[in-house]
C-alpha atoms as a PDB file:
ATOM      1  CA  UNK A   1       0.000   0.000   0.000  1.00  0.00           C
ATOM      2  CA  UNK A   2       2.863   2.339   0.886  1.00  0.00           C
ATOM      3  CA  UNK A   3       4.469   1.777  -2.488  1.00  0.00           C
ATOM      4  CA  UNK A   4       1.413   3.247  -4.183  1.00  0.00           C
ATOM      5  CA  UNK A   5       1.759   6.603  -2.417  1.00  0.00           C
ATOM      6  CA  UNK A   6       3.290   9.484  -4.302  1.00  0.00           C
ATOM      7  CA  UNK A   7       6.856  10.479  -3.446  1.00  0.00           C
ATOM      8  CA  UNK A   8       5.645  13.597  -1.643  1.00  0.00           C
ATOM      9  CA  UNK A   9       3.085  11.682   0.401  1.00  0.00           C
ATOM     10  CA  UNK A  10       5.646   9.026   1.273  1.00  0.00           C
ATOM     11  CA  UNK A  11       8.131  11.601   2.513  1.00  0.00           C
ATOM     12  CA  UNK A  12       5.441  13.260   4.614  1.00  0.00           C
ATOM     13  CA  UNK A  13       4.367   9.928   6.069  1.00  0.00           C
ATOM     14  CA  UNK A  14       7.846   8.909   7.163  1.00  0.00           C
ATOM     15  CA  UNK A  15       8.534  12.303   8.673  1.00  0.00           C
ATOM     16  CA  UNK A  16       5.477  11.668  10.834  1.00  0.00           C
ATOM     17  CA  UNK A  17       6.559   8.215  11.993  1.00  0.00           C
ATOM     18  CA  UNK A  18      10.317   8.641  12.418  1.00  0.00           C
ATOM     19  CA  UNK A  19      11.054   6.993  15.718  1.00  0.00           C
ATOM     20  CA  UNK A  20      13.007   9.790  17.353  1.00  0.00           C
ATOM     21  CA  UNK A  21      10.110  12.198  16.837  1.00  0.00           C
ATOM     22  CA  UNK A  22       7.772  10.173  19.023  1.00  0.00           C
ATOM     23  CA  UNK A  23       7.140  10.961  22.651  1.00  0.00           C
ATOM     24  CA  UNK A  24       6.073   8.251  25.116  1.00  0.00           C
ATOM     25  CA  UNK A  25       2.319   8.219  25.469  1.00  0.00           C
ATOM     26  CA  UNK A  26       0.652   8.746  28.821  1.00  0.00           C
ATOM     27  CA  UNK A  27      -0.228   5.500  30.625  1.00  0.00           C
ATOM     28  CA  UNK A  28      -3.794   4.349  29.948  1.00  0.00           C
ATOM     29  CA  UNK A  29      -6.314   4.993  32.668  1.00  0.00           C
ATOM     30  CA  UNK A  30      -7.797   1.517  32.387  1.00  0.00           C
ATOM     31  CA  UNK A  31      -5.890  -1.585  33.527  1.00  0.00           C
ATOM     32  CA  UNK A  32      -3.663  -3.215  30.943  1.00  0.00           C
ATOM     33  CA  UNK A  33      -5.109  -6.542  29.726  1.00  0.00           C
ATOM     34  CA  UNK A  34      -3.242  -9.505  31.139  1.00  0.00           C
ATOM     35  CA  UNK A  35      -3.678 -11.930  28.249  1.00  0.00           C
ATOM     36  CA  UNK A  36      -0.393 -13.467  27.175  1.00  0.00           C
ATOM     37  CA  UNK A  37       0.485 -12.452  23.613  1.00  0.00           C
ATOM     38  CA  UNK A  38       2.646 -13.972  20.956  1.00  0.00           C
ATOM     39  CA  UNK A  39       4.918 -10.930  21.068  1.00  0.00           C
ATOM     40  CA  UNK A  40       6.157 -11.030  24.637  1.00  0.00           C
ATOM     41  CA  UNK A  41       5.529 -11.956  28.238  1.00  0.00           C
ATOM     42  CA  UNK A  42       2.771 -10.959  30.621  1.00  0.00           C
ATOM     43  CA  UNK A  43       4.786  -8.255  32.349  1.00  0.00           C
ATOM     44  CA  UNK A  44       4.314  -4.531  32.721  1.00  0.00           C
ATOM     45  CA  UNK A  45       5.867  -2.438  29.942  1.00  0.00           C
ATOM     46  CA  UNK A  46       9.468  -1.429  30.543  1.00  0.00           C
ATOM     47  CA  UNK A  47      10.298   2.263  30.985  1.00  0.00           C
ATOM     48  CA  UNK A  48      11.414   4.162  27.919  1.00  0.00           C
ATOM     49  CA  UNK A  49      15.048   3.573  27.016  1.00  0.00           C
ATOM     50  CA  UNK A  50      17.061   4.499  23.949  1.00  0.00           C
ATOM     51  CA  UNK A  51      20.334   3.594  22.280  1.00  0.00           C
ATOM     52  CA  UNK A  52      21.472   0.927  24.730  1.00  0.00           C
ATOM     53  CA  UNK A  53      24.237  -1.264  23.347  1.00  0.00           C
ATOM     54  CA  UNK A  54      26.640  -3.991  24.290  1.00  0.00           C
ATOM     55  CA  UNK A  55      26.300  -7.293  26.073  1.00  0.00           C
ATOM     56  CA  UNK A  56      26.244  -5.638  29.508  1.00  0.00           C
ATOM     57  CA  UNK A  57      23.088  -3.643  28.823  1.00  0.00           C
ATOM     58  CA  UNK A  58      20.104  -4.338  31.101  1.00  0.00           C
ATOM     59  CA  UNK A  59      18.003  -7.395  30.321  1.00  0.00           C
ATOM     60  CA  UNK A  60      15.143  -6.476  28.021  1.00  0.00           C
ATOM     61  CA  UNK A  61      11.686  -7.438  29.344  1.00  0.00           C
ATOM     62  CA  UNK A  62       8.741  -7.273  26.962  1.00  0.00           C
ATOM     63  CA  UNK A  63       5.381  -6.004  28.178  1.00  0.00           C
ATOM     64  CA  UNK A  64       1.967  -7.506  27.642  1.00  0.00           C
ATOM     65  CA  UNK A  65       1.005  -5.399  24.629  1.00  0.00           C
ATOM     66  CA  UNK A  66       4.510  -4.689  23.316  1.00  0.00           C
ATOM     67  CA  UNK A  67       6.247  -5.934  20.205  1.00  0.00           C
ATOM     68  CA  UNK A  68       9.890  -6.961  20.281  1.00  0.00           C
ATOM     69  CA  UNK A  69      11.307  -6.453  16.794  1.00  0.00           C
ATOM     70  CA  UNK A  70      14.773  -7.815  16.020  1.00  0.00           C
ATOM     71  CA  UNK A  71      16.248  -6.664  12.724  1.00  0.00           C
ATOM     72  CA  UNK A  72      19.440  -6.318  10.719  1.00  0.00           C
ATOM     73  CA  UNK A  73      20.735  -3.322   8.763  1.00  0.00           C
ATOM     74  CA  UNK A  74      23.122  -3.841   5.866  1.00  0.00           C
ATOM     75  CA  UNK A  75      24.436  -1.944   2.891  1.00  0.00           C
ATOM     76  CA  UNK A  76      23.684  -3.097  -0.652  1.00  0.00           C
ATOM     77  CA  UNK A  77      26.613  -5.527  -0.441  1.00  0.00           C
ATOM     78  CA  UNK A  78      25.204  -7.253   2.629  1.00  0.00           C
ATOM     79  CA  UNK A  79      27.669  -5.784   5.134  1.00  0.00           C
ATOM     80  CA  UNK A  80      26.301  -5.111   8.613  1.00  0.00           C
ATOM     81  CA  UNK A  81      25.937  -1.435   9.569  1.00  0.00           C
ATOM     82  CA  UNK A  82      26.665  -0.796  13.274  1.00  0.00           C
ATOM     83  CA  UNK A  83      26.178   2.203  15.566  1.00  0.00           C
ATOM     84  CA  UNK A  84      22.862   3.431  14.192  1.00  0.00           C
ATOM     85  CA  UNK A  85      20.500   5.354  16.470  1.00  0.00           C
ATOM     86  CA  UNK A  86      16.794   5.091  17.086  1.00  0.00           C
ATOM     87  CA  UNK A  87      16.331   8.304  15.120  1.00  0.00           C
ATOM     88  CA  UNK A  88      17.751   6.592  12.011  1.00  0.00           C
ATOM     89  CA  UNK A  89      14.582   4.517  11.550  1.00  0.00           C
ATOM     90  CA  UNK A  90      10.898   4.964  10.796  1.00  0.00           C
ATOM     91  CA  UNK A  91       8.289   2.331  11.577  1.00  0.00           C
ATOM     92  CA  UNK A  92       4.697   1.512  10.714  1.00  0.00           C
ATOM     93  CA  UNK A  93       2.699  -1.125  12.584  1.00  0.00           C
ATOM     94  CA  UNK A  94      -0.605  -1.960  10.910  1.00  0.00           C
ATOM     95  CA  UNK A  95      -0.068   1.198   8.824  1.00  0.00           C
ATOM     96  CA  UNK A  96       0.216   3.407  11.925  1.00  0.00           C
ATOM     97  CA  UNK A  97       3.103   4.901  13.870  1.00  0.00           C
ATOM     98  CA  UNK A  98       3.725   3.164  17.215  1.00  0.00           C
ATOM     99  CA  UNK A  99       2.155   4.657  20.310  1.00  0.00           C
ATOM    100  CA  UNK A 100       5.530   4.652  22.068  1.00  0.00           C
ATOM    101  CA  UNK A 101       9.009   3.152  21.829  1.00  0.00           C
ATOM    102  CA  UNK A 102      10.159   1.641  25.114  1.00  0.00           C
ATOM    103  CA  UNK A 103      13.588   0.307  24.184  1.00  0.00           C
ATOM    104  CA  UNK A 104      16.186   0.425  21.430  1.00  0.00           C
ATOM    105  CA  UNK A 105      19.378  -1.612  21.562  1.00  0.00           C
ATOM    106  CA  UNK A 106      22.133  -2.495  19.137  1.00  0.00           C
ATOM    107  CA  UNK A 107      24.503  -5.457  18.911  1.00  0.00           C
ATOM    108  CA  UNK A 108      22.595  -7.302  21.579  1.00  0.00           C
ATOM    109  CA  UNK A 109      23.494 -10.782  22.743  1.00  0.00           C
ATOM    110  CA  UNK A 110      20.104 -12.411  23.207  1.00  0.00           C
ATOM    111  CA  UNK A 111      19.887 -16.156  23.900  1.00  0.00           C
ATOM    112  CA  UNK A 112      19.641 -18.112  20.651  1.00  0.00           C
ATOM    113  CA  UNK A 113      17.042 -20.712  19.680  1.00  0.00           C
ATOM    114  CA  UNK A 114      18.238 -22.234  16.413  1.00  0.00           C
ATOM    115  CA  UNK A 115      16.713 -24.999  14.347  1.00  0.00           C
ATOM    116  CA  UNK A 116      19.037 -26.538  11.740  1.00  0.00           C
ATOM    117  CA  UNK A 117      16.933 -28.060   8.936  1.00  0.00           C
ATOM    118  CA  UNK A 118      18.847 -30.115   6.379  1.00  0.00           C
ATOM    119  CA  UNK A 119      17.384 -31.460   3.150  1.00  0.00           C
ATOM    120  CA  UNK A 120      18.156 -35.196   3.055  1.00  0.00           C
ATOM    121  CA  UNK A 121      16.363 -35.984  -0.204  1.00  0.00           C
ATOM    122  CA  UNK A 122      18.013 -38.011  -2.948  1.00  0.00           C
ATOM    123  CA  UNK A 123      18.906 -34.913  -4.985  1.00  0.00           C
ATOM    124  CA  UNK A 124      21.598 -33.800  -2.523  1.00  0.00           C
ATOM    125  CA  UNK A 125      23.279 -37.192  -2.014  1.00  0.00           C
ATOM    126  CA  UNK A 126      26.575 -36.316  -3.735  1.00  0.00           C
ATOM    127  CA  UNK A 127      27.277 -33.272  -1.544  1.00  0.00           C
ATOM    128  CA  UNK A 128      25.600 -34.383   1.658  1.00  0.00           C
ATOM    129  CA  UNK A 129      28.710 -35.148   3.706  1.00  0.00           C
ATOM    130  CA  UNK A 130      30.229 -31.720   3.095  1.00  0.00           C
ATOM    131  CA  UNK A 131      26.953 -30.037   4.056  1.00  0.00           C
ATOM    132  CA  UNK A 132      26.871 -32.032   7.281  1.00  0.00           C
ATOM    133  CA  UNK A 133      30.367 -30.886   8.203  1.00  0.00           C
ATOM    134  CA  UNK A 134      29.530 -27.247   7.461  1.00  0.00           C
ATOM    135  CA  UNK A 135      26.432 -27.426   9.672  1.00  0.00           C
ATOM    136  CA  UNK A 136      28.469 -28.956  12.518  1.00  0.00           C
ATOM    137  CA  UNK A 137      31.077 -26.183  12.288  1.00  0.00           C
ATOM    138  CA  UNK A 138      28.295 -23.591  12.350  1.00  0.00           C
ATOM    139  CA  UNK A 139      26.790 -24.960  15.562  1.00  0.00           C
ATOM    140  CA  UNK A 140      30.214 -25.229  17.200  1.00  0.00           C
ATOM    141  CA  UNK A 141      30.818 -21.552  16.455  1.00  0.00           C
ATOM    142  CA  UNK A 142      27.381 -20.041  17.064  1.00  0.00           C
ATOM    143  CA  UNK A 143      26.369 -21.620  20.391  1.00  0.00           C
ATOM    144  CA  UNK A 144      28.383 -19.577  22.863  1.00  0.00           C
ATOM    145  CA  UNK A 145      26.590 -19.740  26.202  1.00  0.00           C
ATOM    146  CA  UNK A 146      24.538 -22.025  28.392  1.00  0.00           C
ATOM    147  CA  UNK A 147      21.449 -20.035  27.466  1.00  0.00           C
ATOM    148  CA  UNK A 148      21.751 -20.885  23.731  1.00  0.00           C
ATOM    149  CA  UNK A 149      19.971 -23.987  22.430  1.00  0.00           C
ATOM    150  CA  UNK A 150      19.502 -25.713  19.091  1.00  0.00           C
ATOM    151  CA  UNK A 151      17.861 -28.736  17.497  1.00  0.00           C
ATOM    152  CA  UNK A 152      18.570 -30.742  14.339  1.00  0.00           C
ATOM    153  CA  UNK A 153      15.942 -31.840  11.811  1.00  0.00           C
ATOM    154  CA  UNK A 154      16.460 -33.701   8.559  1.00  0.00           C
ATOM    155  CA  UNK A 155      13.695 -34.000   6.000  1.00  0.00           C
ATOM    156  CA  UNK A 156      12.871 -35.923   2.854  1.00  0.00           C
ATOM    157  CA  UNK A 157       9.231 -37.050   2.587  1.00  0.00           C
ATOM    158  CA  UNK A 158       8.839 -36.538   6.350  1.00  0.00           C
ATOM    159  CA  UNK A 159      10.669 -34.416   8.951  1.00  0.00           C
ATOM    160  CA  UNK A 160      12.929 -36.293  11.353  1.00  0.00           C
ATOM    161  CA  UNK A 161      14.280 -34.660  14.535  1.00  0.00           C
ATOM    162  CA  UNK A 162      17.594 -36.383  15.227  1.00  0.00           C
ATOM    163  CA  UNK A 163      18.486 -34.101  18.148  1.00  0.00           C
ATOM    164  CA  UNK A 164      15.970 -32.205  20.252  1.00  0.00           C
ATOM    165  CA  UNK A 165      16.628 -28.878  22.002  1.00  0.00           C
ATOM    166  CA  UNK A 166      20.024 -28.871  23.687  1.00  0.00           C
ATOM    167  CA  UNK A 167      23.187 -26.837  24.158  1.00  0.00           C
ATOM    168  CA  UNK A 168      25.273 -30.022  24.178  1.00  0.00           C
ATOM    169  CA  UNK A 169      27.535 -29.689  21.152  1.00  0.00           C
ATOM    170  CA  UNK A 170      28.411 -33.389  21.063  1.00  0.00           C
ATOM    171  CA  UNK A 171      24.723 -34.240  20.966  1.00  0.00           C
ATOM    172  CA  UNK A 172      24.093 -31.791  18.121  1.00  0.00           C
ATOM    173  CA  UNK A 173      27.027 -33.150  16.131  1.00  0.00           C
ATOM    174  CA  UNK A 174      25.736 -36.685  16.631  1.00  0.00           C
ATOM    175  CA  UNK A 175      22.283 -35.562  15.499  1.00  0.00           C
ATOM    176  CA  UNK A 176      23.667 -34.184  12.232  1.00  0.00           C
ATOM    177  CA  UNK A 177      25.750 -37.296  11.622  1.00  0.00           C
ATOM    178  CA  UNK A 178      22.649 -39.480  12.063  1.00  0.00           C
ATOM    179  CA  UNK A 179      21.051 -37.945   8.979  1.00  0.00           C
ATOM    180  CA  UNK A 180      20.961 -40.144   5.880  1.00  0.00           C
ATOM    181  CA  UNK A 181      19.967 -39.011   2.348  1.00  0.00           C
ATOM    182  CA  UNK A 182      17.106 -40.609   0.439  1.00  0.00           C
ATOM    183  CA  UNK A 183      13.523 -40.003  -0.724  1.00  0.00           C
ATOM    184  CA  UNK A 184      11.523 -37.031  -1.967  1.00  0.00           C
ATOM    185  CA  UNK A 185      11.351 -33.487  -0.566  1.00  0.00           C
ATOM    186  CA  UNK A 186       8.664 -32.148   1.792  1.00  0.00           C
ATOM    187  CA  UNK A 187      10.288 -28.808   2.563  1.00  0.00           C
ATOM    188  CA  UNK A 188       7.178 -26.868   3.604  1.00  0.00           C
ATOM    189  CA  UNK A 189       6.035 -29.674   5.895  1.00  0.00           C
ATOM    190  CA  UNK A 190       9.431 -29.570   7.618  1.00  0.00           C
ATOM    191  CA  UNK A 191       9.396 -25.785   8.122  1.00  0.00           C
ATOM    192  CA  UNK A 192       5.794 -25.877   9.358  1.00  0.00           C
ATOM    193  CA  UNK A 193       6.548 -28.717  11.774  1.00  0.00           C
ATOM    194  CA  UNK A 194       9.727 -27.088  13.109  1.00  0.00           C
ATOM    195  CA  UNK A 195       7.901 -23.836  13.886  1.00  0.00           C
ATOM    196  CA  UNK A 196       4.742 -25.399  15.282  1.00  0.00           C
ATOM    197  CA  UNK A 197       6.312 -28.160  17.356  1.00  0.00           C
ATOM    198  CA  UNK A 198       9.633 -26.625  18.384  1.00  0.00           C
ATOM    199  CA  UNK A 199       9.856 -22.847  18.048  1.00  0.00           C
ATOM    200  CA  UNK A 200       6.312 -21.708  18.828  1.00  0.00           C
ATOM    201  CA  UNK A 201       6.607 -22.835  22.445  1.00  0.00           C
ATOM    202  CA  UNK A 202      10.003 -21.162  22.968  1.00  0.00           C
ATOM    203  CA  UNK A 203       8.635 -18.125  24.739  1.00  0.00           C
ATOM    204  CA  UNK A 204       9.287 -16.672  28.165  1.00  0.00           C
ATOM    205  CA  UNK A 205       9.602 -13.492  30.231  1.00  0.00           C
ATOM    206  CA  UNK A 206      12.712 -12.392  28.334  1.00  0.00           C
ATOM    207  CA  UNK A 207      13.087 -12.285  24.542  1.00  0.00           C
ATOM    208  CA  UNK A 208      15.158 -14.824  22.628  1.00  0.00           C
ATOM    209  CA  UNK A 209      16.391 -14.756  19.072  1.00  0.00           C
ATOM    210  CA  UNK A 210      14.729 -17.563  17.117  1.00  0.00           C
ATOM    211  CA  UNK A 211      15.995 -18.703  13.726  1.00  0.00           C
ATOM    212  CA  UNK A 212      15.765 -21.596  11.300  1.00  0.00           C
ATOM    213  CA  UNK A 213      18.804 -22.395   9.171  1.00  0.00           C
ATOM    214  CA  UNK A 214      17.445 -24.156   6.101  1.00  0.00           C
ATOM    215  CA  UNK A 215      19.835 -25.985   3.766  1.00  0.00           C
ATOM    216  CA  UNK A 216      18.007 -27.146   0.622  1.00  0.00           C
ATOM    217  CA  UNK A 217      17.574 -26.743  -3.131  1.00  0.00           C
ATOM    218  CA  UNK A 218      14.040 -25.512  -2.428  1.00  0.00           C
ATOM    219  CA  UNK A 219      12.347 -27.975  -4.784  1.00  0.00           C
ATOM    220  CA  UNK A 220       9.347 -29.354  -2.882  1.00  0.00           C
ATOM    221  CA  UNK A 221       7.441 -32.326  -4.298  1.00  0.00           C
ATOM    222  CA  UNK A 222       5.893 -34.017  -1.245  1.00  0.00           C
ATOM    223  CA  UNK A 223       4.482 -31.421   1.190  1.00  0.00           C
ATOM    224  CA  UNK A 224       0.899 -31.449   2.440  1.00  0.00           C
ATOM    225  CA  UNK A 225       0.958 -27.811   3.599  1.00  0.00           C
ATOM    226  CA  UNK A 226       1.150 -24.843   1.240  1.00  0.00           C
ATOM    227  CA  UNK A 227       4.025 -22.323   1.225  1.00  0.00           C
ATOM    228  CA  UNK A 228       1.773 -19.624   2.757  1.00  0.00           C
ATOM    229  CA  UNK A 229       0.896 -21.945   5.640  1.00  0.00           C
ATOM    230  CA  UNK A 230       4.547 -22.623   6.398  1.00  0.00           C
ATOM    231  CA  UNK A 231       5.397 -18.913   6.326  1.00  0.00           C
ATOM    232  CA  UNK A 232       2.445 -17.993   8.555  1.00  0.00           C
ATOM    233  CA  UNK A 233       3.490 -20.601  11.099  1.00  0.00           C
ATOM    234  CA  UNK A 234       6.989 -19.058  11.155  1.00  0.00           C
ATOM    235  CA  UNK A 235       5.428 -15.646  11.727  1.00  0.00           C
ATOM    236  CA  UNK A 236       3.330 -17.027  14.586  1.00  0.00           C
ATOM    237  CA  UNK A 237       6.491 -18.495  16.106  1.00  0.00           C
ATOM    238  CA  UNK A 238       8.355 -15.194  15.529  1.00  0.00           C
ATOM    239  CA  UNK A 239      11.125 -17.080  13.753  1.00  0.00           C
ATOM    240  CA  UNK A 240      13.572 -15.787  11.153  1.00  0.00           C
ATOM    241  CA  UNK A 241      14.509 -18.127   8.305  1.00  0.00           C
ATOM    242  CA  UNK A 242      17.982 -18.120   6.792  1.00  0.00           C
ATOM    243  CA  UNK A 243      18.122 -20.227   3.653  1.00  0.00           C
ATOM    244  CA  UNK A 244      21.179 -21.669   1.920  1.00  0.00           C
ATOM    245  CA  UNK A 245      20.564 -22.864  -1.608  1.00  0.00           C
ATOM    246  CA  UNK A 246      22.230 -26.079  -2.773  1.00  0.00           C
ATOM    247  CA  UNK A 247      21.511 -25.265  -6.409  1.00  0.00           C
ATOM    248  CA  UNK A 248      24.971 -24.789  -7.900  1.00  0.00           C
ATOM    249  CA  UNK A 249      23.785 -23.918 -11.428  1.00  0.00           C
ATOM    250  CA  UNK A 250      24.061 -20.287 -12.615  1.00  0.00           C
ATOM    251  CA  UNK A 251      20.313 -20.038 -13.267  1.00  0.00           C
ATOM    252  CA  UNK A 252      17.756 -19.551 -10.493  1.00  0.00           C
ATOM    253  CA  UNK A 253      14.748 -21.846 -10.580  1.00  0.00           C
ATOM    254  CA  UNK A 254      11.479 -22.186  -8.652  1.00  0.00           C
ATOM    255  CA  UNK A 255      13.293 -23.746  -5.710  1.00  0.00           C
ATOM    256  CA  UNK A 256      15.487 -20.680  -5.305  1.00  0.00           C
ATOM    257  CA  UNK A 257      12.418 -18.462  -5.556  1.00  0.00           C
ATOM    258  CA  UNK A 258      10.796 -20.436  -2.735  1.00  0.00           C
ATOM    259  CA  UNK A 259      13.897 -20.090  -0.534  1.00  0.00           C
ATOM    260  CA  UNK A 260      14.062 -16.357  -1.234  1.00  0.00           C
ATOM    261  CA  UNK A 261      10.427 -15.815  -0.346  1.00  0.00           C
ATOM    262  CA  UNK A 262      10.638 -17.676   2.967  1.00  0.00           C
ATOM    263  CA  UNK A 263      13.699 -15.662   3.981  1.00  0.00           C
ATOM    264  CA  UNK A 264      12.260 -12.280   2.967  1.00  0.00           C
ATOM    265  CA  UNK A 265       8.840 -12.821   4.557  1.00  0.00           C
ATOM    266  CA  UNK A 266      10.397 -13.651   7.930  1.00  0.00           C
ATOM    267  CA  UNK A 267      13.170 -11.036   7.984  1.00  0.00           C
ATOM    268  CA  UNK A 268      15.970 -13.454   7.157  1.00  0.00           C
ATOM    269  CA  UNK A 269      18.346 -13.746   4.240  1.00  0.00           C
ATOM    270  CA  UNK A 270      18.978 -16.162   1.378  1.00  0.00           C
ATOM    271  CA  UNK A 271      22.477 -17.332   0.425  1.00  0.00           C
ATOM    272  CA  UNK A 272      23.485 -18.679  -2.989  1.00  0.00           C
ATOM    273  CA  UNK A 273      26.942 -20.234  -2.590  1.00  0.00           C
ATOM    274  CA  UNK A 274      28.454 -20.924  -6.033  1.00  0.00           C
ATOM    275  CA  UNK A 275      29.758 -24.342  -4.998  1.00  0.00           C
ATOM    276  CA  UNK A 276      29.500 -26.846  -2.187  1.00  0.00           C
ATOM    277  CA  UNK A 277      32.871 -25.658  -0.889  1.00  0.00           C
ATOM    278  CA  UNK A 278      31.367 -22.198  -0.299  1.00  0.00           C
ATOM    279  CA  UNK A 279      28.533 -23.461   1.928  1.00  0.00           C
ATOM    280  CA  UNK A 280      30.657 -22.934   5.033  1.00  0.00           C
ATOM    281  CA  UNK A 281      31.015 -19.227   4.137  1.00  0.00           C
ATOM    282  CA  UNK A 282      27.223 -18.929   4.037  1.00  0.00           C
ATOM    283  CA  UNK A 283      27.033 -20.400   7.524  1.00  0.00           C
ATOM    284  CA  UNK A 284      29.635 -17.849   8.659  1.00  0.00           C
ATOM    285  CA  UNK A 285      27.516 -15.045   7.237  1.00  0.00           C
ATOM    286  CA  UNK A 286      24.510 -16.274   9.229  1.00  0.00           C
ATOM    287  CA  UNK A 287      26.645 -16.566  12.358  1.00  0.00           C
ATOM    288  CA  UNK A 288      27.715 -12.918  12.023  1.00  0.00           C
ATOM    289  CA  UNK A 289      24.121 -11.749  11.578  1.00  0.00           C
ATOM    290  CA  UNK A 290      22.837 -13.627  14.605  1.00  0.00           C
ATOM    291  CA  UNK A 291      25.365 -11.794  16.771  1.00  0.00           C
ATOM    292  CA  UNK A 292      25.041  -8.374  15.080  1.00  0.00           C
ATOM    293  CA  UNK A 293      21.481  -7.122  15.117  1.00  0.00           C
ATOM    294  CA  UNK A 294      19.252  -4.433  16.578  1.00  0.00           C
ATOM    295  CA  UNK A 295      16.259  -4.803  18.884  1.00  0.00           C
ATOM    296  CA  UNK A 296      13.377  -2.357  19.089  1.00  0.00           C
ATOM    297  CA  UNK A 297      10.514  -2.704  21.577  1.00  0.00           C
ATOM    298  CA  UNK A 298       7.375  -0.646  21.064  1.00  0.00           C
ATOM    299  CA  UNK A 299       3.697  -0.387  21.915  1.00  0.00           C
ATOM    300  CA  UNK A 300       1.486  -0.458  18.795  1.00  0.00           C
ATOM    301  CA  UNK A 301      -1.216   2.134  18.277  1.00  0.00           C
ATOM    302  CA  UNK A 302      -4.851   0.935  18.319  1.00  0.00           C
ATOM    303  CA  UNK A 303      -3.753  -2.525  19.445  1.00  0.00           C
ATOM    304  CA  UNK A 304      -6.513  -5.150  19.544  1.00  0.00           C
ATOM    305  CA  UNK A 305      -6.408  -8.663  20.990  1.00  0.00           C
ATOM    306  CA  UNK A 306      -8.200 -10.137  17.981  1.00  0.00           C
ATOM    307  CA  UNK A 307      -5.728 -12.679  16.571  1.00  0.00           C
ATOM    308  CA  UNK A 308      -5.360 -10.657  13.367  1.00  0.00           C
ATOM    309  CA  UNK A 309      -2.147 -10.320  11.375  1.00  0.00           C
ATOM    310  CA  UNK A 310      -0.550  -6.882  11.819  1.00  0.00           C
ATOM    311  CA  UNK A 311       1.928  -5.745   9.183  1.00  0.00           C
ATOM    312  CA  UNK A 312       5.295  -4.221  10.042  1.00  0.00           C
ATOM    313  CA  UNK A 313       7.130  -1.807   7.772  1.00  0.00           C
ATOM    314  CA  UNK A 314      10.561  -0.749   9.014  1.00  0.00           C
ATOM    315  CA  UNK A 315      12.397   1.883   7.027  1.00  0.00           C
ATOM    316  CA  UNK A 316      15.969   3.169   7.289  1.00  0.00           C
ATOM    317  CA  UNK A 317      16.084   6.928   6.706  1.00  0.00           C
ATOM    318  CA  UNK A 318      19.466   6.665   4.966  1.00  0.00           C
ATOM    319  CA  UNK A 319      18.590   5.116   1.598  1.00  0.00           C
ATOM    320  CA  UNK A 320      22.054   3.555   1.321  1.00  0.00           C
ATOM    321  CA  UNK A 321      21.054   1.070   4.021  1.00  0.00           C
ATOM    322  CA  UNK A 322      18.517  -1.746   4.047  1.00  0.00           C
ATOM    323  CA  UNK A 323      16.647  -2.774   7.196  1.00  0.00           C
ATOM    324  CA  UNK A 324      15.497  -6.413   7.204  1.00  0.00           C
ATOM    325  CA  UNK A 325      12.761  -7.386   9.644  1.00  0.00           C
ATOM    326  CA  UNK A 326       9.792  -9.746   9.726  1.00  0.00           C
ATOM    327  CA  UNK A 327       6.831  -8.532   7.705  1.00  0.00           C
ATOM    328  CA  UNK A 328       4.408  -8.704  10.607  1.00  0.00           C
ATOM    329  CA  UNK A 329       3.003 -10.745  13.483  1.00  0.00           C
ATOM    330  CA  UNK A 330      -0.250 -12.213  14.765  1.00  0.00           C
ATOM    331  CA  UNK A 331      -1.846 -10.349  17.650  1.00  0.00           C
ATOM    332  CA  UNK A 332      -2.849 -12.571  20.551  1.00  0.00           C
ATOM    333  CA  UNK A 333      -6.452 -13.354  21.367  1.00  0.00           C
ATOM    334  CA  UNK A 334      -7.742 -12.233  24.731  1.00  0.00           C
END
């Protein structure tokens, strides 16, 4: 809808919603509803705070009607842009400026919840061992603290969890080594299952950074759920998808389009390594992003506990930079 506005109207709109121009709204006179939402915990909203950074910053608690938005800012070459301020961004939630911004932090070190999903269908048999080793190296490097956890899922015609949630690196390595190639590809079923059964329930009083690392050629021929259903389940689980394509040909097919869409709709990123030897570099790029992001907590305007999908549009005022965030979220039901 925003794209259809004229240039003048668009400039006026973003001047109105630039985050630094907002002032915290007065507390409502009626009691805050206590229903537990998909966007945070059932706690009172935190006091306004801006431009906190570093691992020693106070723990971020999310209020009952607040949205915790984690996003990445890069240049056109994909390089992370640090040290930006709250005033560098404009935001629309359900086509409206937020009622108030309660926290803005950069380069935060939130606990990680990572699902590694590896395509084990017949089409990847020749390069499967190298992909396994790259995934193991990624987990060894990305899980840094006792608060981080991950699980391993392989999929062909059905998803198969070979290691449930753990921070035990030996267990995760064993889970990846248990995977065996063979069969068709039910990619959307795997993503849907991972979000519904594993990531949706990973919610508590403090925010965590949830991500799926999906290694596949994107060609689905066995799923029972549709692509939209898989993406919506990721949005309900507030999970970012990073996809790594195993299509080594110069041309981009329907599988690559599917991987790109899943990444973009959830605020993630798609990687197209030119060869199997470059897969490890893609994992390194994901590792850097997971440790180099921004977090913005805000109270939406005209918030309703109706279960509806609310769109998010995050805009970086400097047009040289690109802000990548999830496209929206589902409001909780009261």
